[in-house]
């Protein structure tokens, strides 16, 4: 069965409107804070060592760097304003700059960042969010 004329156009228009609503600051900012709360809770729950040392502030991020490697993706994952990683990741100024860009992306897109990031693909060399954050700074290129 072929769609009626204009159905695809209508579907695209609805999709664009949904994205505009999702990234509107009235929706995105609360989504960012919700993601930050979830990231902090995950960092505290999955972290190792004394509770008071599982989360700290560094370079504008909350850093949970006492996690086992199964608790995050790649070298580290930013959820809202929280960097989830292990002590193995050297938190150089370049890496922290890369992760701060991801925090800004979360602030801009809120919870819509999740499907947008997944739709951008797993290959960091083609993922627009990783490219924007800096492939060299993120350790994807020498």
Protein backbone atom coordinates (compact mmCIF):
# COMPACT_ATOMS: atom_id res chain seq x y z
CA UNK A 1 0.00 0.00 0.00
CA UNK A 2 1.43 3.37 -0.98
CA UNK A 3 1.04 6.32 1.35
CA UNK A 4 -1.36 9.06 0.37
CA UNK A 5 0.11 12.16 -1.20
CA UNK A 6 1.36 14.55 1.46
CA UNK A 7 1.59 11.88 4.20
CA UNK A 8 5.39 11.83 4.11
CA UNK A 9 5.49 15.63 4.14
CA UNK A 10 3.19 15.67 7.15
CA UNK A 11 5.32 13.04 8.92
CA UNK A 12 8.49 15.07 8.34
CA UNK A 13 6.76 18.24 9.57
CA UNK A 14 5.62 16.47 12.74
CA UNK A 15 9.15 15.11 13.27
CA UNK A 16 10.69 18.58 12.90
CA UNK A 17 8.13 20.05 15.30
CA UNK A 18 8.85 17.31 17.86
CA UNK A 19 12.58 18.04 17.68
CA UNK A 20 11.93 21.79 18.10
CA UNK A 21 9.88 21.09 21.21
CA UNK A 22 12.43 18.62 22.61
CA UNK A 23 15.34 21.05 22.26
CA UNK A 24 13.41 24.09 23.48
CA UNK A 25 15.17 25.31 26.64
CA UNK A 26 11.95 24.88 28.65
CA UNK A 27 12.18 21.14 27.91
CA UNK A 28 15.93 20.64 27.40
CA UNK A 29 17.21 22.27 30.60
CA UNK A 30 15.05 20.18 32.97
CA UNK A 31 16.09 17.14 30.92
CA UNK A 32 19.74 18.07 31.46
CA UNK A 33 19.22 18.34 35.22
CA UNK A 34 17.35 15.03 35.30
CA UNK A 35 20.19 13.36 33.38
CA UNK A 36 22.73 14.95 35.75
CA UNK A 37 20.85 13.59 38.76
CA UNK A 38 20.73 10.11 37.19
CA UNK A 39 24.43 10.28 36.28
CA UNK A 40 25.35 11.32 39.82
CA UNK A 41 23.19 8.55 41.29
CA UNK A 42 24.85 6.01 38.99
CA UNK A 43 28.32 7.29 39.90
CA UNK A 44 27.53 7.00 43.61
CA UNK A 45 25.84 3.60 43.34
CA UNK A 46 28.40 1.91 41.08
CA UNK A 47 31.49 3.70 42.42
CA UNK A 48 34.14 2.09 44.56
CA UNK A 49 35.63 3.38 47.79
CA UNK A 50 34.21 5.68 50.44
CA UNK A 51 30.94 7.34 49.43
CA UNK A 52 32.29 10.87 49.96
CA UNK A 53 35.10 10.26 47.44
CA UNK A 54 33.00 8.83 44.61
CA UNK A 55 32.00 12.21 43.18
CA UNK A 56 34.02 15.39 42.88
CA UNK A 57 33.92 18.62 40.89
CA UNK A 58 36.59 19.23 38.28
CA UNK A 59 36.71 21.69 35.38
CA UNK A 60 32.96 22.35 35.44
CA UNK A 61 32.00 18.67 35.57
CA UNK A 62 30.98 16.31 38.31
CA UNK A 63 33.50 13.48 37.98
CA UNK A 64 32.79 9.93 39.10
CA UNK A 65 36.14 8.29 38.37
CA UNK A 66 36.01 5.33 40.74
CA UNK A 67 33.82 3.16 38.52
CA UNK A 68 34.43 -0.34 37.17
CA UNK A 69 34.82 -0.40 33.37
CA UNK A 70 31.42 -2.09 32.85
CA UNK A 71 29.68 0.99 34.30
CA UNK A 72 30.31 3.30 31.31
CA UNK A 73 31.10 3.24 27.60
CA UNK A 74 34.46 3.73 25.88
CA UNK A 75 36.97 5.64 28.03
CA UNK A 76 34.23 7.59 29.77
CA UNK A 77 30.65 8.70 29.35
CA UNK A 78 29.05 12.05 30.12
CA UNK A 79 25.48 11.85 31.41
CA UNK A 80 24.13 15.36 31.88
CA UNK A 81 26.91 17.15 33.74
CA UNK A 82 28.55 13.99 35.15
CA UNK A 83 31.63 12.28 33.71
CA UNK A 84 31.52 8.56 34.46
CA UNK A 85 34.94 6.90 34.14
CA UNK A 86 37.60 4.84 35.87
CA UNK A 87 40.92 5.84 37.40
CA UNK A 88 42.56 4.54 34.19
CA UNK A 89 41.46 7.57 32.17
CA UNK A 90 44.01 10.37 32.45
CA UNK A 91 41.92 13.49 32.98
CA UNK A 92 44.14 15.85 31.01
CA UNK A 93 42.97 19.38 30.20
CA UNK A 94 42.28 18.16 26.62
CA UNK A 95 40.10 15.25 27.76
CA UNK A 96 38.22 17.47 30.21
CA UNK A 97 37.65 20.02 27.43
CA UNK A 98 36.24 17.26 25.20
CA UNK A 99 33.92 16.11 27.97
CA UNK A 100 32.79 19.69 28.74
CA UNK A 101 31.61 19.96 25.11
CA UNK A 102 29.45 16.87 25.71
CA UNK A 103 28.06 18.57 28.83
CA UNK A 104 27.12 21.60 26.69
CA UNK A 105 25.46 19.23 24.19
CA UNK A 106 23.41 17.75 27.03
CA UNK A 107 22.40 21.27 28.14
CA UNK A 108 21.35 22.17 24.61
CA UNK A 109 19.42 19.00 23.77
CA UNK A 110 18.37 17.66 27.18
CA UNK A 111 17.07 14.11 27.11
CA UNK A 112 16.72 14.37 23.32
CA UNK A 113 20.51 14.05 23.28
CA UNK A 114 20.18 10.29 23.85
CA UNK A 115 18.37 9.41 20.59
CA UNK A 116 20.26 12.12 18.69
CA UNK A 117 23.63 10.72 19.80
CA UNK A 118 22.58 7.13 19.04
CA UNK A 119 21.30 8.17 15.61
CA UNK A 120 24.67 9.82 14.89
CA UNK A 121 26.24 6.35 15.01
CA UNK A 122 28.76 4.37 17.04
CA UNK A 123 31.75 5.31 14.88
CA UNK A 124 33.27 8.34 16.64
CA UNK A 125 34.99 9.42 13.42
CA UNK A 126 31.55 9.96 11.85
CA UNK A 127 29.53 10.90 14.93
CA UNK A 128 28.79 14.63 14.70
CA UNK A 129 28.76 15.04 18.48
CA UNK A 130 32.22 13.46 18.87
CA UNK A 131 33.53 15.53 15.96
CA UNK A 132 32.19 18.70 17.59
CA UNK A 133 33.79 17.71 20.92
CA UNK A 134 37.14 17.10 19.21
CA UNK A 135 38.42 13.74 18.01
CA UNK A 136 42.02 14.39 19.05
CA UNK A 137 41.01 15.71 22.47
CA UNK A 138 38.75 12.70 23.00
CA UNK A 139 41.55 10.29 22.18
CA UNK A 140 40.01 9.02 18.95
CA UNK A 141 42.86 10.33 16.77
CA UNK A 142 46.58 10.73 17.51
